Amino acid sequence: MRAVITVIGKDVVGILAKVSGMCAEYNVNIVDVTQSVLQDMFAMIMLAEVSGCSVAFEQFAEQLSELGRENGLSIHVMHEDLFNSMHRI
């Protein structure tokens, strides 16, 4: 089971480290990542393997959202199946 994690906010040092650190804490493996800095805005999309997550998917998603709120970022976690359904033509 995989999830898409998006992170958007003002660019500061350590965003990638904080998000990937929380993933590691919950035994979530990042399988692909792309990031870009557009002027002073940070944007990142991660594809993560969550089948080994040590907590329920909903709890993991809420913990990342809380991390975002604490750091002035918008962090959203979406199950891959939902993502695919939303983007199917």
PDB file of N, CA and C in Angstrom:
ATOM      1  N   MET A   1       0.851  -1.167   0.000  1.00  0.00           N
ATOM      2  CA  MET A   1       0.000   0.000   0.000  1.00  0.00           C
ATOM      3  C   MET A   1       0.902   1.237   0.000  1.00  0.00           C
ATOM      4  N   ARG A   2       0.599   2.164  -0.902  1.00  0.00           N
ATOM      5  CA  ARG A   2       1.418   3.372  -0.999  1.00  0.00           C
ATOM      6  C   ARG A   2       0.565   4.614  -0.762  1.00  0.00           C
ATOM      7  N   ALA A   3       1.250   5.705  -0.463  1.00  0.00           N
ATOM      8  CA  ALA A   3       0.585   6.982  -0.230  1.00  0.00           C
ATOM      9  C   ALA A   3       1.350   8.084  -0.932  1.00  0.00           C
ATOM     10  N   VAL A   4       0.633   9.129  -1.295  1.00  0.00           N
ATOM     11  CA  VAL A   4       1.226  10.327  -1.868  1.00  0.00           C
ATOM     12  C   VAL A   4       1.237  11.383  -0.769  1.00  0.00           C
ATOM     13  N   ILE A   5       2.409  11.946  -0.507  1.00  0.00           N
ATOM     14  CA  ILE A   5       2.567  12.976   0.514  1.00  0.00           C
ATOM     15  C   ILE A   5       2.961  14.262  -0.196  1.00  0.00           C
ATOM     16  N   THR A   6       2.195  15.333   0.028  1.00  0.00           N
ATOM     17  CA  THR A   6       2.540  16.625  -0.561  1.00  0.00           C
ATOM     18  C   THR A   6       2.890  17.597   0.561  1.00  0.00           C
ATOM     19  N   VAL A   7       3.886  18.419   0.297  1.00  0.00           N
ATOM     20  CA  VAL A   7       4.346  19.423   1.259  1.00  0.00           C
ATOM     21  C   VAL A   7       4.515  20.738   0.513  1.00  0.00           C
ATOM     22  N   ILE A   8       3.857  21.780   1.013  1.00  0.00           N
ATOM     23  CA  ILE A   8       3.963  23.100   0.390  1.00  0.00           C
ATOM     24  C   ILE A   8       4.115  24.142   1.493  1.00  0.00           C
ATOM     25  N   GLY A   9       5.003  25.109   1.281  1.00  0.00           N
ATOM     26  CA  GLY A   9       5.168  26.182   2.248  1.00  0.00           C
ATOM     27  C   GLY A   9       6.386  27.020   1.940  1.00  0.00           C
ATOM     28  N   LYS A  10       6.632  27.984   2.805  1.00  0.00           N
ATOM     29  CA  LYS A  10       7.792  28.849   2.661  1.00  0.00           C
ATOM     30  C   LYS A  10       9.053  28.013   2.870  1.00  0.00           C
ATOM     31  N   ASP A  11      10.037  28.203   2.001  1.00  0.00           N
ATOM     32  CA  ASP A  11      11.267  27.424   2.065  1.00  0.00           C
ATOM     33  C   ASP A  11      12.087  27.784   3.295  1.00  0.00           C
ATOM     34  N   VAL A  12      12.407  26.780   4.083  1.00  0.00           N
ATOM     35  CA  VAL A  12      13.305  26.917   5.232  1.00  0.00           C
ATOM     36  C   VAL A  12      14.197  25.674   5.282  1.00  0.00           C
ATOM     37  N   VAL A  13      15.275  25.778   5.974  1.00  0.00           N
ATOM     38  CA  VAL A  13      16.199  24.654   6.115  1.00  0.00           C
ATOM     39  C   VAL A  13      15.532  23.523   6.901  1.00  0.00           C
ATOM     40  N   GLY A  14      15.652  22.292   6.403  1.00  0.00           N
ATOM     41  CA  GLY A  14      15.248  21.117   7.170  1.00  0.00           C
ATOM     42  C   GLY A  14      13.875  20.536   6.877  1.00  0.00           C
ATOM     43  N   ILE A  15      13.142  21.074   5.895  1.00  0.00           N
ATOM     44  CA  ILE A  15      11.806  20.533   5.633  1.00  0.00           C
ATOM     45  C   ILE A  15      11.887  19.059   5.252  1.00  0.00           C
ATOM     46  N   LEU A  16      12.712  18.745   4.287  1.00  0.00           N
ATOM     47  CA  LEU A  16      12.842  17.357   3.845  1.00  0.00           C
ATOM     48  C   LEU A  16      13.275  16.452   5.000  1.00  0.00           C
ATOM     49  N   ALA A  17      14.193  16.917   5.816  1.00  0.00           N
ATOM     50  CA  ALA A  17      14.677  16.132   6.952  1.00  0.00           C
ATOM     51  C   ALA A  17      13.566  15.861   7.962  1.00  0.00           C
ATOM     52  N   LYS A  18      12.737  16.869   8.245  1.00  0.00           N
ATOM     53  CA  LYS A  18      11.653  16.682   9.215  1.00  0.00           C
ATOM     54  C   LYS A  18      10.619  15.691   8.711  1.00  0.00           C
ATOM     55  N   VAL A  19      10.220  15.828   7.454  1.00  0.00           N
ATOM     56  CA  VAL A  19       9.193  14.938   6.905  1.00  0.00           C
ATOM     57  C   VAL A  19       9.738  13.521   6.771  1.00  0.00           C
ATOM     58  N   SER A  20      10.927  13.369   6.218  1.00  0.00           N
ATOM     59  CA  SER A  20      11.497  12.023   6.062  1.00  0.00           C
ATOM     60  C   SER A  20      11.809  11.404   7.422  1.00  0.00           C
ATOM     61  N   GLY A  21      12.186  12.222   8.391  1.00  0.00           N
ATOM     62  CA  GLY A  21      12.435  11.717   9.744  1.00  0.00           C
ATOM     63  C   GLY A  21      11.180  11.143  10.378  1.00  0.00           C
ATOM     64  N   MET A  22      10.043  11.820  10.177  1.00  0.00           N
ATOM     65  CA  MET A  22       8.791  11.307  10.723  1.00  0.00           C
ATOM     66  C   MET A  22       8.388  10.024  10.004  1.00  0.00           C
ATOM     67  N   CYS A  23       8.623   9.975   8.697  1.00  0.00           N
ATOM     68  CA  CYS A  23       8.340   8.739   7.953  1.00  0.00           C
ATOM     69  C   CYS A  23       9.156   7.586   8.537  1.00  0.00           C
ATOM     70  N   ALA A  24      10.436   7.807   8.761  1.00  0.00           N
ATOM     71  CA  ALA A  24      11.303   6.770   9.325  1.00  0.00           C
ATOM     72  C   ALA A  24      10.832   6.358  10.721  1.00  0.00           C
ATOM     73  N   GLU A  25      10.403   7.336  11.510  1.00  0.00           N
ATOM     74  CA  GLU A  25       9.921   7.057  12.871  1.00  0.00           C
ATOM     75  C   GLU A  25       8.738   6.091  12.851  1.00  0.00           C
ATOM     76  N   TYR A  26       7.895   6.187  11.822  1.00  0.00           N
ATOM     77  CA  TYR A  26       6.713   5.332  11.712  1.00  0.00           C
ATOM     78  C   TYR A  26       6.917   4.158  10.748  1.00  0.00           C
ATOM     79  N   ASN A  27       8.162   3.883  10.380  1.00  0.00           N
ATOM     80  CA  ASN A  27       8.511   2.758   9.514  1.00  0.00           C
ATOM     81  C   ASN A  27       7.859   2.872   8.131  1.00  0.00           C
ATOM     82  N   VAL A  28       7.795   4.091   7.615  1.00  0.00           N
ATOM     83  CA  VAL A  28       7.266   4.357   6.280  1.00  0.00           C
ATOM     84  C   VAL A  28       8.456   4.607   5.361  1.00  0.00           C
ATOM     85  N   ASN A  29       8.518   3.851   4.261  1.00  0.00           N
ATOM     86  CA  ASN A  29       9.640   3.944   3.341  1.00  0.00           C
ATOM     87  C   ASN A  29       9.312   4.898   2.196  1.00  0.00           C
ATOM     88  N   ILE A  30      10.172   5.875   1.962  1.00  0.00           N
ATOM     89  CA  ILE A  30      10.002   6.805   0.850  1.00  0.00           C
ATOM     90  C   ILE A  30      10.606   6.148  -0.388  1.00  0.00           C
ATOM     91  N   VAL A  31       9.761   5.936  -1.418  1.00  0.00           N
ATOM     92  CA  VAL A  31      10.242   5.257  -2.614  1.00  0.00           C
ATOM     93  C   VAL A  31      10.559   6.226  -3.745  1.00  0.00           C
ATOM     94  N   ASP A  32      10.003   7.424  -3.714  1.00  0.00           N
ATOM     95  CA  ASP A  32      10.312   8.423  -4.726  1.00  0.00           C
ATOM     96  C   ASP A  32       9.996   9.799  -4.152  1.00  0.00           C
ATOM     97  N   VAL A  33      10.776  10.786  -4.564  1.00  0.00           N
ATOM     98  CA  VAL A  33      10.544  12.152  -4.087  1.00  0.00           C
ATOM     99  C   VAL A  33      10.965  13.136  -5.172  1.00  0.00           C
ATOM    100  N   THR A  34      10.176  14.180  -5.307  1.00  0.00           N
ATOM    101  CA  THR A  34      10.550  15.286  -6.159  1.00  0.00           C
ATOM    102  C   THR A  34      10.264  16.563  -5.381  1.00  0.00           C
ATOM    103  N   GLN A  35      11.156  17.511  -5.505  1.00  0.00           N
ATOM    104  CA  GLN A  35      10.962  18.772  -4.802  1.00  0.00           C
ATOM    105  C   GLN A  35      11.444  19.912  -5.666  1.00  0.00           C
ATOM    106  N   SER A  36      10.904  21.072  -5.386  1.00  0.00           N
ATOM    107  CA  SER A  36      11.290  22.262  -6.132  1.00  0.00           C
ATOM    108  C   SER A  36      11.137  23.469  -5.219  1.00  0.00           C
ATOM    109  N   VAL A  37      11.987  24.439  -5.431  1.00  0.00           N
ATOM    110  CA  VAL A  37      11.859  25.714  -4.739  1.00  0.00           C
ATOM    111  C   VAL A  37      11.564  26.757  -5.806  1.00  0.00           C
ATOM    112  N   LEU A  38      10.404  27.378  -5.697  1.00  0.00           N
ATOM    113  CA  LEU A  38       9.947  28.388  -6.643  1.00  0.00           C
ATOM    114  C   LEU A  38      10.020  29.729  -5.924  1.00  0.00           C
ATOM    115  N   GLN A  39      11.049  30.506  -6.239  1.00  0.00           N
ATOM    116  CA  GLN A  39      11.381  31.726  -5.502  1.00  0.00           C
ATOM    117  C   GLN A  39      11.563  31.354  -4.033  1.00  0.00           C
ATOM    118  N   ASP A  40      10.639  31.700  -3.141  1.00  0.00           N
ATOM    119  CA  ASP A  40      10.822  31.329  -1.734  1.00  0.00           C
ATOM    120  C   ASP A  40       9.804  30.283  -1.275  1.00  0.00           C
ATOM    121  N   MET A  41       9.124  29.629  -2.236  1.00  0.00           N
ATOM    122  CA  MET A  41       8.130  28.612  -1.906  1.00  0.00           C
ATOM    123  C   MET A  41       8.692  27.212  -2.164  1.00  0.00           C
ATOM    124  N   PHE A  42       8.498  26.343  -1.193  1.00  0.00           N
ATOM    125  CA  PHE A  42       8.965  24.957  -1.263  1.00  0.00           C
ATOM    126  C   PHE A  42       7.784  24.076  -1.653  1.00  0.00           C
ATOM    127  N   ALA A  43       7.984  23.175  -2.609  1.00  0.00           N
ATOM    128  CA  ALA A  43       6.954  22.220  -3.008  1.00  0.00           C
ATOM    129  C   ALA A  43       7.600  20.840  -3.143  1.00  0.00           C
ATOM    130  N   MET A  44       6.967  19.834  -2.545  1.00  0.00           N
ATOM    131  CA  MET A  44       7.523  18.489  -2.593  1.00  0.00           C
ATOM    132  C   MET A  44       6.393  17.474  -2.712  1.00  0.00           C
ATOM    133  N   ILE A  45       6.637  16.440  -3.501  1.00  0.00           N
ATOM    134  CA  ILE A  45       5.725  15.301  -3.605  1.00  0.00           C
ATOM    135  C   ILE A  45       6.544  14.047  -3.332  1.00  0.00           C
ATOM    136  N   MET A  46       6.047  13.224  -2.418  1.00  0.00           N
ATOM    137  CA  MET A  46       6.712  11.960  -2.089  1.00  0.00           C
ATOM    138  C   MET A  46       5.753  10.810  -2.363  1.00  0.00           C
ATOM    139  N   LEU A  47       6.297   9.703  -2.817  1.00  0.00           N
ATOM    140  CA  LEU A  47       5.556   8.459  -2.896  1.00  0.00           C
ATOM    141  C   LEU A  47       6.151   7.564  -1.816  1.00  0.00           C
ATOM    142  N   ALA A  48       5.310   7.088  -0.919  1.00  0.00           N
ATOM    143  CA  ALA A  48       5.802   6.339   0.235  1.00  0.00           C
ATOM    144  C   ALA A  48       5.090   5.000   0.365  1.00  0.00           C
ATOM    145  N   GLU A  49       5.835   4.004   0.750  1.00  0.00           N
ATOM    146  CA  GLU A  49       5.287   2.673   1.025  1.00  0.00           C
ATOM    147  C   GLU A  49       4.854   2.655   2.485  1.00  0.00           C
ATOM    148  N   VAL A  50       3.550   2.526   2.717  1.00  0.00           N
ATOM    149  CA  VAL A  50       3.020   2.627   4.079  1.00  0.00           C
ATOM    150  C   VAL A  50       2.528   1.293   4.625  1.00  0.00           C
ATOM    151  N   SER A  51       2.731   0.208   3.896  1.00  0.00           N
ATOM    152  CA  SER A  51       2.225  -1.088   4.371  1.00  0.00           C
ATOM    153  C   SER A  51       2.897  -1.524   5.670  1.00  0.00           C
ATOM    154  N   GLY A  52       4.105  -1.058   5.933  1.00  0.00           N
ATOM    155  CA  GLY A  52       4.797  -1.412   7.168  1.00  0.00           C
ATOM    156  C   GLY A  52       4.653  -0.375   8.272  1.00  0.00           C
ATOM    157  N   CYS A  53       3.774   0.598   8.067  1.00  0.00           N
ATOM    158  CA  CYS A  53       3.608   1.691   9.032  1.00  0.00           C
ATOM    159  C   CYS A  53       3.258   1.132  10.417  1.00  0.00           C
ATOM    160  N   SER A  54       3.898   1.665  11.443  1.00  0.00           N
ATOM    161  CA  SER A  54       3.731   1.158  12.803  1.00  0.00           C
ATOM    162  C   SER A  54       2.462   1.651  13.490  1.00  0.00           C
ATOM    163  N   VAL A  55       1.718   2.559  12.853  1.00  0.00           N
ATOM    164  CA  VAL A  55       0.434   3.043  13.387  1.00  0.00           C
ATOM    165  C   VAL A  55      -0.596   2.995  12.259  1.00  0.00           C
ATOM    166  N   ALA A  56      -1.851   3.237  12.581  1.00  0.00           N
ATOM    167  CA  ALA A  56      -2.901   3.264  11.566  1.00  0.00           C
ATOM    168  C   ALA A  56      -2.613   4.381  10.561  1.00  0.00           C
ATOM    169  N   PHE A  57      -2.992   4.166   9.311  1.00  0.00           N
ATOM    170  CA  PHE A  57      -2.749   5.145   8.248  1.00  0.00           C
ATOM    171  C   PHE A  57      -3.282   6.521   8.635  1.00  0.00           C
ATOM    172  N   GLU A  58      -4.479   6.578   9.190  1.00  0.00           N
ATOM    173  CA  GLU A  58      -5.099   7.849   9.569  1.00  0.00           C
ATOM    174  C   GLU A  58      -4.273   8.582  10.620  1.00  0.00           C
ATOM    175  N   GLN A  59      -3.718   7.838  11.564  1.00  0.00           N
ATOM    176  CA  GLN A  59      -2.883   8.449  12.607  1.00  0.00           C
ATOM    177  C   GLN A  59      -1.593   8.991  12.003  1.00  0.00           C
ATOM    178  N   PHE A  60      -0.992   8.238  11.094  1.00  0.00           N
ATOM    179  CA  PHE A  60       0.219   8.697  10.411  1.00  0.00           C
ATOM    180  C   PHE A  60      -0.058   9.991   9.653  1.00  0.00           C
ATOM    181  N   ALA A  61      -1.162  10.017   8.916  1.00  0.00           N
ATOM    182  CA  ALA A  61      -1.533  11.206   8.146  1.00  0.00           C
ATOM    183  C   ALA A  61      -1.758  12.400   9.076  1.00  0.00           C
ATOM    184  N   GLU A  62      -2.399  12.177  10.201  1.00  0.00           N
ATOM    185  CA  GLU A  62      -2.652  13.275  11.149  1.00  0.00           C
ATOM    186  C   GLU A  62      -1.347  13.773  11.769  1.00  0.00           C
ATOM    187  N   GLN A  63      -0.424  12.881  12.060  1.00  0.00           N
ATOM    188  CA  GLN A  63       0.863  13.292  12.631  1.00  0.00           C
ATOM    189  C   GLN A  63       1.642  14.169  11.647  1.00  0.00           C
ATOM    190  N   LEU A  64       1.613  13.811  10.357  1.00  0.00           N
ATOM    191  CA  LEU A  64       2.284  14.646   9.365  1.00  0.00           C
ATOM    192  C   LEU A  64       1.582  15.993   9.208  1.00  0.00           C
ATOM    193  N   SER A  65       0.254  15.988   9.246  1.00  0.00           N
ATOM    194  CA  SER A  65      -0.484  17.255   9.171  1.00  0.00           C
ATOM    195  C   SER A  65      -0.126  18.156  10.352  1.00  0.00           C
ATOM    196  N   GLU A  66      -0.020  17.564  11.525  1.00  0.00           N
ATOM    197  CA  GLU A  66       0.357  18.325  12.719  1.00  0.00           C
ATOM    198  C   GLU A  66       1.773  18.876  12.585  1.00  0.00           C
ATOM    199  N   LEU A  67       2.689  18.071  12.052  1.00  0.00           N
ATOM    200  CA  LEU A  67       4.053  18.540  11.795  1.00  0.00           C
ATOM    201  C   LEU A  67       4.012  19.761  10.883  1.00  0.00           C
ATOM    202  N   GLY A  68       3.158  19.707   9.872  1.00  0.00           N
ATOM    203  CA  GLY A  68       3.005  20.838   8.969  1.00  0.00           C
ATOM    204  C   GLY A  68       2.511  22.082   9.690  1.00  0.00           C
ATOM    205  N   ARG A  69       1.471  21.915  10.498  1.00  0.00           N
ATOM    206  CA  ARG A  69       0.935  23.070  11.238  1.00  0.00           C
ATOM    207  C   ARG A  69       1.989  23.697  12.145  1.00  0.00           C
ATOM    208  N   GLU A  70       2.782  22.860  12.796  1.00  0.00           N
ATOM    209  CA  GLU A  70       3.829  23.349  13.704  1.00  0.00           C
ATOM    210  C   GLU A  70       4.927  24.111  12.967  1.00  0.00           C
ATOM    211  N   ASN A  71       5.093  23.826  11.680  1.00  0.00           N
ATOM    212  CA  ASN A  71       6.184  24.423  10.912  1.00  0.00           C
ATOM    213  C   ASN A  71       5.714  25.353   9.802  1.00  0.00           C
ATOM    214  N   GLY A  72       4.439  25.726   9.820  1.00  0.00           N
ATOM    215  CA  GLY A  72       3.918  26.650   8.822  1.00  0.00           C
ATOM    216  C   GLY A  72       3.852  26.066   7.423  1.00  0.00           C
ATOM    217  N   LEU A  73       3.623  24.762   7.339  1.00  0.00           N
ATOM    218  CA  LEU A  73       3.565  24.063   6.059  1.00  0.00           C
ATOM    219  C   LEU A  73       2.197  23.414   5.878  1.00  0.00           C
ATOM    220  N   SER A  74       1.851  23.170   4.641  1.00  0.00           N
ATOM    221  CA  SER A  74       0.674  22.368   4.340  1.00  0.00           C
ATOM    222  C   SER A  74       1.170  20.983   3.945  1.00  0.00           C
ATOM    223  N   ILE A  75       0.888  19.981   4.792  1.00  0.00           N
ATOM    224  CA  ILE A  75       1.284  18.603   4.506  1.00  0.00           C
ATOM    225  C   ILE A  75       0.017  17.775   4.401  1.00  0.00           C
ATOM    226  N   HIS A  76      -0.127  17.089   3.269  1.00  0.00           N
ATOM    227  CA  HIS A  76      -1.316  16.277   3.028  1.00  0.00           C
ATOM    228  C   HIS A  76      -0.872  14.875   2.629  1.00  0.00           C
ATOM    229  N   VAL A  77      -1.528  13.869   3.207  1.00  0.00           N
ATOM    230  CA  VAL A  77      -1.227  12.476   2.902  1.00  0.00           C
ATOM    231  C   VAL A  77      -2.475  11.845   2.305  1.00  0.00           C
ATOM    232  N   MET A  78      -2.320  11.236   1.133  1.00  0.00           N
ATOM    233  CA  MET A  78      -3.448  10.623   0.451  1.00  0.00           C
ATOM    234  C   MET A  78      -3.084   9.202   0.038  1.00  0.00           C
ATOM    235  N   HIS A  79      -3.960   8.264   0.347  1.00  0.00           N
ATOM    236  CA  HIS A  79      -3.753   6.880  -0.061  1.00  0.00           C
ATOM    237  C   HIS A  79      -3.682   6.833  -1.583  1.00  0.00           C
ATOM    238  N   GLU A  80      -2.775   6.021  -2.109  1.00  0.00           N
ATOM    239  CA  GLU A  80      -2.568   5.944  -3.557  1.00  0.00           C
ATOM    240  C   GLU A  80      -3.849   5.582  -4.311  1.00  0.00           C
ATOM    241  N   ASP A  81      -4.674   4.708  -3.765  1.00  0.00           N
ATOM    242  CA  ASP A  81      -5.915   4.324  -4.447  1.00  0.00           C
ATOM    243  C   ASP A  81      -6.839   5.525  -4.625  1.00  0.00           C
ATOM    244  N   LEU A  82      -6.964   6.350  -3.601  1.00  0.00           N
ATOM    245  CA  LEU A  82      -7.784   7.554  -3.696  1.00  0.00           C
ATOM    246  C   LEU A  82      -7.186   8.531  -4.701  1.00  0.00           C
ATOM    247  N   PHE A  83      -5.872   8.693  -4.650  1.00  0.00           N
ATOM    248  CA  PHE A  83      -5.185   9.572  -5.603  1.00  0.00           C
ATOM    249  C   PHE A  83      -5.447   9.111  -7.026  1.00  0.00           C
ATOM    250  N   ASN A  84      -5.302   7.828  -7.303  1.00  0.00           N
ATOM    251  CA  ASN A  84      -5.525   7.300  -8.639  1.00  0.00           C
ATOM    252  C   ASN A  84      -6.978   7.477  -9.087  1.00  0.00           C
ATOM    253  N   SER A  85      -7.910   7.250  -8.191  1.00  0.00           N
ATOM    254  CA  SER A  85      -9.332   7.419  -8.530  1.00  0.00           C
ATOM    255  C   SER A  85      -9.653   8.860  -8.875  1.00  0.00           C
ATOM    256  N   MET A  86      -9.060   9.788  -8.165  1.00  0.00           N
ATOM    257  CA  MET A  86      -9.313  11.205  -8.416  1.00  0.00           C
ATOM    258  C   MET A  86      -8.735  11.659  -9.742  1.00  0.00           C
ATOM    259  N   HIS A  87      -7.695  11.009 -10.217  1.00  0.00           N
ATOM    260  CA  HIS A  87      -6.991  11.470 -11.414  1.00  0.00           C
ATOM    261  C   HIS A  87      -7.201  10.547 -12.614  1.00  0.00           C
ATOM    262  N   ARG A  88      -8.187   9.687 -12.529  1.00  0.00           N
ATOM    263  CA  ARG A  88      -8.516   8.792 -13.636  1.00  0.00           C
ATOM    264  C   ARG A  88      -9.470   9.518 -14.589  1.00  0.00           C
ATOM    265  N   ILE A  89      -9.211   9.408 -15.861  1.00  0.00           N
ATOM    266  CA  ILE A  89     -10.084  10.069 -16.851  1.00  0.00           C
ATOM    267  C   ILE A  89     -11.187   9.125 -17.282  1.00  0.00           C
TER     268      ILE A  89
END
